[in-house]
Amino acid sequence: MGKVEKLLEKMRANPRDWRIESLEAVGRRYGISVRKTGGSHFVFIHPDSELMVTVPFKRPIKPVYIVQFLALLDDIGVE
């Protein structure tokens, strides 16, 4: 199990106190594109999913956004 897989496992176990850099690392590993809006938000999208997750760049990221990000991963078949 690689570093990103361990990060994802921890994220699933505890959706609290995450930083945007962690979401970007996991997203890159699974082909999720990150678009920076020019403001204070990041948008995570994947071509195989209709879900789009908008996450505000505020530390720590609230658990609701982590749950949405995990739903995007589940939608594209990441276990």
PDB file of N, CA and C in Angstrom:
ATOM      1  N   MET A   1       0.854  -1.178   0.000  1.00  0.00           N
ATOM      2  CA  MET A   1       0.000   0.000   0.000  1.00  0.00           C
ATOM      3  C   MET A   1       0.899   1.240   0.000  1.00  0.00           C
ATOM      4  N   GLY A   2       0.649   2.126  -0.943  1.00  0.00           N
ATOM      5  CA  GLY A   2       1.455   3.327  -1.078  1.00  0.00           C
ATOM      6  C   GLY A   2       1.022   4.445  -0.143  1.00  0.00           C
ATOM      7  N   LYS A   3       1.753   5.526  -0.206  1.00  0.00           N
ATOM      8  CA  LYS A   3       1.507   6.672   0.670  1.00  0.00           C
ATOM      9  C   LYS A   3       0.121   7.281   0.450  1.00  0.00           C
ATOM     10  N   VAL A   4      -0.268   7.423  -0.814  1.00  0.00           N
ATOM     11  CA  VAL A   4      -1.573   8.024  -1.118  1.00  0.00           C
ATOM     12  C   VAL A   4      -2.708   7.108  -0.687  1.00  0.00           C
ATOM     13  N   GLU A   5      -2.529   5.811  -0.867  1.00  0.00           N
ATOM     14  CA  GLU A   5      -3.561   4.864  -0.431  1.00  0.00           C
ATOM     15  C   GLU A   5      -3.749   4.921   1.090  1.00  0.00           C
ATOM     16  N   LYS A   6      -2.644   5.058   1.818  1.00  0.00           N
ATOM     17  CA  LYS A   6      -2.732   5.186   3.281  1.00  0.00           C
ATOM     18  C   LYS A   6      -3.430   6.491   3.666  1.00  0.00           C
ATOM     19  N   LEU A   7      -3.138   7.541   2.920  1.00  0.00           N
ATOM     20  CA  LEU A   7      -3.776   8.830   3.155  1.00  0.00           C
ATOM     21  C   LEU A   7      -5.288   8.720   2.954  1.00  0.00           C
ATOM     22  N   LEU A   8      -5.684   8.045   1.882  1.00  0.00           N
ATOM     23  CA  LEU A   8      -7.105   7.844   1.599  1.00  0.00           C
ATOM     24  C   LEU A   8      -7.770   7.008   2.696  1.00  0.00           C
ATOM     25  N   GLU A   9      -7.087   5.989   3.151  1.00  0.00           N
ATOM     26  CA  GLU A   9      -7.621   5.150   4.228  1.00  0.00           C
ATOM     27  C   GLU A   9      -7.860   5.979   5.495  1.00  0.00           C
ATOM     28  N   LYS A  10      -6.913   6.842   5.835  1.00  0.00           N
ATOM     29  CA  LYS A  10      -7.065   7.711   7.004  1.00  0.00           C
ATOM     30  C   LYS A  10      -8.208   8.702   6.803  1.00  0.00           C
ATOM     31  N   MET A  11      -8.335   9.194   5.583  1.00  0.00           N
ATOM     32  CA  MET A  11      -9.393  10.150   5.267  1.00  0.00           C
ATOM     33  C   MET A  11     -10.774   9.508   5.448  1.00  0.00           C
ATOM     34  N   ARG A  12     -10.889   8.259   4.997  1.00  0.00           N
ATOM     35  CA  ARG A  12     -12.166   7.540   5.155  1.00  0.00           C
ATOM     36  C   ARG A  12     -12.471   7.278   6.631  1.00  0.00           C
ATOM     37  N   ALA A  13     -11.447   7.007   7.418  1.00  0.00           N
ATOM     38  CA  ALA A  13     -11.630   6.707   8.838  1.00  0.00           C
ATOM     39  C   ALA A  13     -11.961   7.954   9.658  1.00  0.00           C
ATOM     40  N   ASN A  14     -11.416   9.109   9.244  1.00  0.00           N
ATOM     41  CA  ASN A  14     -11.622  10.335  10.007  1.00  0.00           C
ATOM     42  C   ASN A  14     -11.666  11.536   9.057  1.00  0.00           C
ATOM     43  N   PRO A  15     -12.863  12.053   8.754  1.00  0.00           N
ATOM     44  CA  PRO A  15     -12.973  13.165   7.804  1.00  0.00           C
ATOM     45  C   PRO A  15     -12.674  14.542   8.405  1.00  0.00           C
ATOM     46  N   ARG A  16     -12.044  14.587   9.533  1.00  0.00           N
ATOM     47  CA  ARG A  16     -11.749  15.877  10.182  1.00  0.00           C
ATOM     48  C   ARG A  16     -10.289  16.283   9.995  1.00  0.00           C
ATOM     49  N   ASP A  17     -10.076  17.605   9.974  1.00  0.00           N
ATOM     50  CA  ASP A  17      -8.727  18.195  10.006  1.00  0.00           C
ATOM     51  C   ASP A  17      -7.849  17.843   8.804  1.00  0.00           C
ATOM     52  N   TRP A  18      -8.368  18.009   7.595  1.00  0.00           N
ATOM     53  CA  TRP A  18      -7.593  17.765   6.379  1.00  0.00           C
ATOM     54  C   TRP A  18      -7.256  19.076   5.706  1.00  0.00           C
ATOM     55  N   ARG A  19      -6.193  19.045   4.914  1.00  0.00           N
ATOM     56  CA  ARG A  19      -5.758  20.224   4.170  1.00  0.00           C
ATOM     57  C   ARG A  19      -5.956  19.974   2.677  1.00  0.00           C
ATOM     58  N   ILE A  20      -6.049  21.042   1.924  1.00  0.00           N
ATOM     59  CA  ILE A  20      -6.311  20.956   0.496  1.00  0.00           C
ATOM     60  C   ILE A  20      -5.204  20.177  -0.226  1.00  0.00           C
ATOM     61  N   GLU A  21      -3.978  20.259   0.264  1.00  0.00           N
ATOM     62  CA  GLU A  21      -2.861  19.540  -0.356  1.00  0.00           C
ATOM     63  C   GLU A  21      -3.079  18.028  -0.326  1.00  0.00           C
ATOM     64  N   SER A  22      -3.707  17.539   0.722  1.00  0.00           N
ATOM     65  CA  SER A  22      -3.985  16.106   0.823  1.00  0.00           C
ATOM     66  C   SER A  22      -5.028  15.691  -0.206  1.00  0.00           C
ATOM     67  N   LEU A  23      -6.063  16.503  -0.378  1.00  0.00           N
ATOM     68  CA  LEU A  23      -7.072  16.207  -1.381  1.00  0.00           C
ATOM     69  C   LEU A  23      -6.476  16.243  -2.785  1.00  0.00           C
ATOM     70  N   GLU A  24      -5.605  17.203  -3.036  1.00  0.00           N
ATOM     71  CA  GLU A  24      -4.952  17.290  -4.342  1.00  0.00           C
ATOM     72  C   GLU A  24      -4.104  16.043  -4.609  1.00  0.00           C
ATOM     73  N   ALA A  25      -3.369  15.559  -3.618  1.00  0.00           N
ATOM     74  CA  ALA A  25      -2.523  14.377  -3.789  1.00  0.00           C
ATOM     75  C   ALA A  25      -3.363  13.142  -4.103  1.00  0.00           C
ATOM     76  N   VAL A  26      -4.437  12.945  -3.359  1.00  0.00           N
ATOM     77  CA  VAL A  26      -5.313  11.800  -3.596  1.00  0.00           C
ATOM     78  C   VAL A  26      -5.979  11.942  -4.971  1.00  0.00           C
ATOM     79  N   GLY A  27      -6.431  13.136  -5.280  1.00  0.00           N
ATOM     80  CA  GLY A  27      -7.074  13.377  -6.567  1.00  0.00           C
ATOM     81  C   GLY A  27      -6.157  13.082  -7.742  1.00  0.00           C
ATOM     82  N   ARG A  28      -4.906  13.535  -7.663  1.00  0.00           N
ATOM     83  CA  ARG A  28      -3.936  13.275  -8.740  1.00  0.00           C
ATOM     84  C   ARG A  28      -3.752  11.778  -8.954  1.00  0.00           C
ATOM     85  N   ARG A  29      -3.688  11.031  -7.871  1.00  0.00           N
ATOM     86  CA  ARG A  29      -3.467   9.573  -7.950  1.00  0.00           C
ATOM     87  C   ARG A  29      -4.589   8.871  -8.707  1.00  0.00           C
ATOM     88  N   TYR A  30      -5.811   9.398  -8.599  1.00  0.00           N
ATOM     89  CA  TYR A  30      -6.964   8.732  -9.201  1.00  0.00           C
ATOM     90  C   TYR A  30      -7.533   9.487 -10.400  1.00  0.00           C
ATOM     91  N   GLY A  31      -6.765  10.391 -10.961  1.00  0.00           N
ATOM     92  CA  GLY A  31      -7.166  11.054 -12.197  1.00  0.00           C
ATOM     93  C   GLY A  31      -8.209  12.148 -12.040  1.00  0.00           C
ATOM     94  N   ILE A  32      -8.326  12.682 -10.856  1.00  0.00           N
ATOM     95  CA  ILE A  32      -9.273  13.765 -10.604  1.00  0.00           C
ATOM     96  C   ILE A  32      -8.590  15.087 -10.908  1.00  0.00           C
ATOM     97  N   SER A  33      -9.248  15.902 -11.721  1.00  0.00           N
ATOM     98  CA  SER A  33      -8.714  17.217 -12.066  1.00  0.00           C
ATOM     99  C   SER A  33      -9.079  18.221 -10.989  1.00  0.00           C
ATOM    100  N   VAL A  34      -8.169  19.154 -10.759  1.00  0.00           N
ATOM    101  CA  VAL A  34      -8.407  20.211  -9.777  1.00  0.00           C
ATOM    102  C   VAL A  34      -8.399  21.537 -10.511  1.00  0.00           C
ATOM    103  N   ARG A  35      -9.471  22.269 -10.352  1.00  0.00           N
ATOM    104  CA  ARG A  35      -9.545  23.597 -10.958  1.00  0.00           C
ATOM    105  C   ARG A  35      -9.616  24.618  -9.835  1.00  0.00           C
ATOM    106  N   LYS A  36      -8.711  25.567  -9.879  1.00  0.00           N
ATOM    107  CA  LYS A  36      -8.723  26.647  -8.892  1.00  0.00           C
ATOM    108  C   LYS A  36      -9.548  27.773  -9.480  1.00  0.00           C
ATOM    109  N   THR A  37     -10.535  28.218  -8.757  1.00  0.00           N
ATOM    110  CA  THR A  37     -11.503  29.177  -9.288  1.00  0.00           C
ATOM    111  C   THR A  37     -10.961  30.592  -9.388  1.00  0.00           C
ATOM    112  N   GLY A  38      -9.789  30.839  -8.871  1.00  0.00           N
ATOM    113  CA  GLY A  38      -9.266  32.192  -8.844  1.00  0.00           C
ATOM    114  C   GLY A  38      -9.659  32.903  -7.556  1.00  0.00           C
ATOM    115  N   GLY A  39     -10.590  32.311  -6.863  1.00  0.00           N
ATOM    116  CA  GLY A  39     -11.027  32.854  -5.580  1.00  0.00           C
ATOM    117  C   GLY A  39     -10.524  31.960  -4.471  1.00  0.00           C
ATOM    118  N   SER A  40     -11.415  31.632  -3.580  1.00  0.00           N
ATOM    119  CA  SER A  40     -11.020  30.855  -2.407  1.00  0.00           C
ATOM    120  C   SER A  40     -11.531  29.419  -2.458  1.00  0.00           C
ATOM    121  N   HIS A  41     -11.814  28.893  -3.660  1.00  0.00           N
ATOM    122  CA  HIS A  41     -12.344  27.543  -3.780  1.00  0.00           C
ATOM    123  C   HIS A  41     -11.544  26.709  -4.774  1.00  0.00           C
ATOM    124  N   PHE A  42     -11.587  25.396  -4.549  1.00  0.00           N
ATOM    125  CA  PHE A  42     -11.018  24.420  -5.465  1.00  0.00           C
ATOM    126  C   PHE A  42     -12.165  23.533  -5.928  1.00  0.00           C
ATOM    127  N   VAL A  43     -12.154  23.158  -7.211  1.00  0.00           N
ATOM    128  CA  VAL A  43     -13.202  22.296  -7.762  1.00  0.00           C
ATOM    129  C   VAL A  43     -12.545  21.003  -8.232  1.00  0.00           C
ATOM    130  N   PHE A  44     -13.042  19.879  -7.741  1.00  0.00           N
ATOM    131  CA  PHE A  44     -12.532  18.561  -8.095  1.00  0.00           C
ATOM    132  C   PHE A  44     -13.523  17.894  -9.040  1.00  0.00           C
ATOM    133  N   ILE A  45     -13.030  17.443 -10.212  1.00  0.00           N
ATOM    134  CA  ILE A  45     -13.892  16.798 -11.207  1.00  0.00           C
ATOM    135  C   ILE A  45     -13.159  15.604 -11.819  1.00  0.00           C
ATOM    136  N   HIS A  46     -13.937  14.664 -12.318  1.00  0.00           N
ATOM    137  CA  HIS A  46     -13.390  13.492 -13.004  1.00  0.00           C
ATOM    138  C   HIS A  46     -14.246  13.248 -14.240  1.00  0.00           C
ATOM    139  N   PRO A  47     -13.617  12.908 -15.371  1.00  0.00           N
ATOM    140  CA  PRO A  47     -14.385  12.735 -16.611  1.00  0.00           C
ATOM    141  C   PRO A  47     -15.408  11.598 -16.570  1.00  0.00           C
ATOM    142  N   ASP A  48     -15.234  10.620 -15.692  1.00  0.00           N
ATOM    143  CA  ASP A  48     -16.168   9.487 -15.612  1.00  0.00           C
ATOM    144  C   ASP A  48     -17.297   9.702 -14.610  1.00  0.00           C
ATOM    145  N   SER A  49     -17.388  10.887 -14.043  1.00  0.00           N
ATOM    146  CA  SER A  49     -18.400  11.158 -13.028  1.00  0.00           C
ATOM    147  C   SER A  49     -19.104  12.478 -13.310  1.00  0.00           C
ATOM    148  N   GLU A  50     -20.367  12.518 -12.987  1.00  0.00           N
ATOM    149  CA  GLU A  50     -21.118  13.763 -13.108  1.00  0.00           C
ATOM    150  C   GLU A  50     -21.009  14.610 -11.848  1.00  0.00           C
ATOM    151  N   LEU A  51     -20.411  14.041 -10.805  1.00  0.00           N
ATOM    152  CA  LEU A  51     -20.237  14.784  -9.557  1.00  0.00           C
ATOM    153  C   LEU A  51     -19.122  15.805  -9.703  1.00  0.00           C
ATOM    154  N   MET A  52     -19.315  16.929  -9.058  1.00  0.00           N
ATOM    155  CA  MET A  52     -18.306  17.975  -9.008  1.00  0.00           C
ATOM    156  C   MET A  52     -18.276  18.445  -7.556  1.00  0.00           C
ATOM    157  N   VAL A  53     -17.095  18.457  -6.967  1.00  0.00           N
ATOM    158  CA  VAL A  53     -16.969  18.811  -5.556  1.00  0.00           C
ATOM    159  C   VAL A  53     -16.230  20.141  -5.442  1.00  0.00           C
ATOM    160  N   THR A  54     -16.890  21.118  -4.848  1.00  0.00           N
ATOM    161  CA  THR A  54     -16.290  22.427  -4.618  1.00  0.00           C
ATOM    162  C   THR A  54     -15.895  22.516  -3.149  1.00  0.00           C
ATOM    163  N   VAL A  55     -14.619  22.800  -2.916  1.00  0.00           N
ATOM    164  CA  VAL A  55     -14.082  22.833  -1.556  1.00  0.00           C
ATOM    165  C   VAL A  55     -13.471  24.212  -1.307  1.00  0.00           C
ATOM    166  N   PRO A  56     -13.911  24.901  -0.260  1.00  0.00           N
ATOM    167  CA  PRO A  56     -13.293  26.183   0.069  1.00  0.00           C
ATOM    168  C   PRO A  56     -11.887  25.978   0.623  1.00  0.00           C
ATOM    169  N   PHE A  57     -11.007  26.887   0.267  1.00  0.00           N
ATOM    170  CA  PHE A  57      -9.629  26.812   0.752  1.00  0.00           C
ATOM    171  C   PHE A  57      -9.564  27.456   2.127  1.00  0.00           C
ATOM    172  N   LYS A  58      -9.949  26.706   3.104  1.00  0.00           N
ATOM    173  CA  LYS A  58      -9.925  27.171   4.482  1.00  0.00           C
ATOM    174  C   LYS A  58      -9.450  26.007   5.322  1.00  0.00           C
ATOM    175  N   ARG A  59      -8.544  26.255   6.220  1.00  0.00           N
ATOM    176  CA  ARG A  59      -7.999  25.184   7.039  1.00  0.00           C
ATOM    177  C   ARG A  59      -8.631  25.175   8.400  1.00  0.00           C
ATOM    178  N   PRO A  60      -8.917  24.042   8.973  1.00  0.00           N
ATOM    179  CA  PRO A  60      -9.000  22.757   8.289  1.00  0.00           C
ATOM    180  C   PRO A  60     -10.276  22.688   7.459  1.00  0.00           C
ATOM    181  N   ILE A  61     -10.303  21.789   6.500  1.00  0.00           N
ATOM    182  CA  ILE A  61     -11.485  21.615   5.655  1.00  0.00           C
ATOM    183  C   ILE A  61     -12.565  20.931   6.488  1.00  0.00           C
ATOM    184  N   LYS A  62     -13.776  21.422   6.378  1.00  0.00           N
ATOM    185  CA  LYS A  62     -14.879  20.847   7.144  1.00  0.00           C
ATOM    186  C   LYS A  62     -15.174  19.416   6.663  1.00  0.00           C
ATOM    187  N   PRO A  63     -15.577  18.548   7.589  1.00  0.00           N
ATOM    188  CA  PRO A  63     -15.835  17.145   7.247  1.00  0.00           C
ATOM    189  C   PRO A  63     -16.847  16.952   6.107  1.00  0.00           C
ATOM    190  N   VAL A  64     -17.813  17.834   5.979  1.00  0.00           N
ATOM    191  CA  VAL A  64     -18.819  17.677   4.923  1.00  0.00           C
ATOM    192  C   VAL A  64     -18.167  17.680   3.541  1.00  0.00           C
ATOM    193  N   TYR A  65     -17.116  18.469   3.348  1.00  0.00           N
ATOM    194  CA  TYR A  65     -16.433  18.513   2.055  1.00  0.00           C
ATOM    195  C   TYR A  65     -15.595  17.255   1.821  1.00  0.00           C
ATOM    196  N   ILE A  66     -15.050  16.702   2.882  1.00  0.00           N
ATOM    197  CA  ILE A  66     -14.288  15.455   2.761  1.00  0.00           C
ATOM    198  C   ILE A  66     -15.239  14.325   2.375  1.00  0.00           C
ATOM    199  N   VAL A  67     -16.412  14.295   2.981  1.00  0.00           N
ATOM    200  CA  VAL A  67     -17.412  13.276   2.649  1.00  0.00           C
ATOM    201  C   VAL A  67     -17.820  13.397   1.181  1.00  0.00           C
ATOM    202  N   GLN A  68     -17.992  14.610   0.682  1.00  0.00           N
ATOM    203  CA  GLN A  68     -18.329  14.816  -0.727  1.00  0.00           C
ATOM    204  C   GLN A  68     -17.187  14.348  -1.630  1.00  0.00           C
ATOM    205  N   PHE A  69     -15.953  14.649  -1.249  1.00  0.00           N
ATOM    206  CA  PHE A  69     -14.787  14.215  -2.017  1.00  0.00           C
ATOM    207  C   PHE A  69     -14.718  12.692  -2.060  1.00  0.00           C
ATOM    208  N   LEU A  70     -14.976  12.047  -0.934  1.00  0.00           N
ATOM    209  CA  LEU A  70     -14.977  10.584  -0.880  1.00  0.00           C
ATOM    210  C   LEU A  70     -16.103  10.009  -1.741  1.00  0.00           C
ATOM    211  N   ALA A  71     -17.239  10.697  -1.811  1.00  0.00           N
ATOM    212  CA  ALA A  71     -18.338  10.263  -2.667  1.00  0.00           C
ATOM    213  C   ALA A  71     -17.925  10.317  -4.135  1.00  0.00           C
ATOM    214  N   LEU A  72     -17.160  11.328  -4.510  1.00  0.00           N
ATOM    215  CA  LEU A  72     -16.637  11.419  -5.877  1.00  0.00           C
ATOM    216  C   LEU A  72     -15.724  10.222  -6.155  1.00  0.00           C
ATOM    217  N   LEU A  73     -14.848   9.905  -5.233  1.00  0.00           N
ATOM    218  CA  LEU A  73     -13.962   8.754  -5.397  1.00  0.00           C
ATOM    219  C   LEU A  73     -14.762   7.456  -5.527  1.00  0.00           C
ATOM    220  N   ASP A  74     -15.778   7.310  -4.693  1.00  0.00           N
ATOM    221  CA  ASP A  74     -16.635   6.115  -4.766  1.00  0.00           C
ATOM    222  C   ASP A  74     -17.341   6.043  -6.122  1.00  0.00           C
ATOM    223  N   ASP A  75     -17.762   7.183  -6.634  1.00  0.00           N
ATOM    224  CA  ASP A  75     -18.480   7.241  -7.904  1.00  0.00           C
ATOM    225  C   ASP A  75     -17.610   6.772  -9.072  1.00  0.00           C
ATOM    226  N   ILE A  76     -16.312   7.001  -8.984  1.00  0.00           N
ATOM    227  CA  ILE A  76     -15.418   6.567 -10.062  1.00  0.00           C
ATOM    228  C   ILE A  76     -14.827   5.179  -9.802  1.00  0.00           C
ATOM    229  N   GLY A  77     -15.250   4.544  -8.710  1.00  0.00           N
ATOM    230  CA  GLY A  77     -14.865   3.166  -8.436  1.00  0.00           C
ATOM    231  C   GLY A  77     -13.622   2.962  -7.588  1.00  0.00           C
ATOM    232  N   VAL A  78     -13.206   3.979  -6.862  1.00  0.00           N
ATOM    233  CA  VAL A  78     -12.054   3.836  -5.971  1.00  0.00           C
ATOM    234  C   VAL A  78     -12.534   3.223  -4.668  1.00  0.00           C
ATOM    235  N   GLU A  79     -11.881   2.147  -4.257  1.00  0.00           N
ATOM    236  CA  GLU A  79     -12.279   1.488  -3.005  1.00  0.00           C
ATOM    237  C   GLU A  79     -11.347   1.815  -1.882  1.00  0.00           C
TER     238      GLU A  79
END
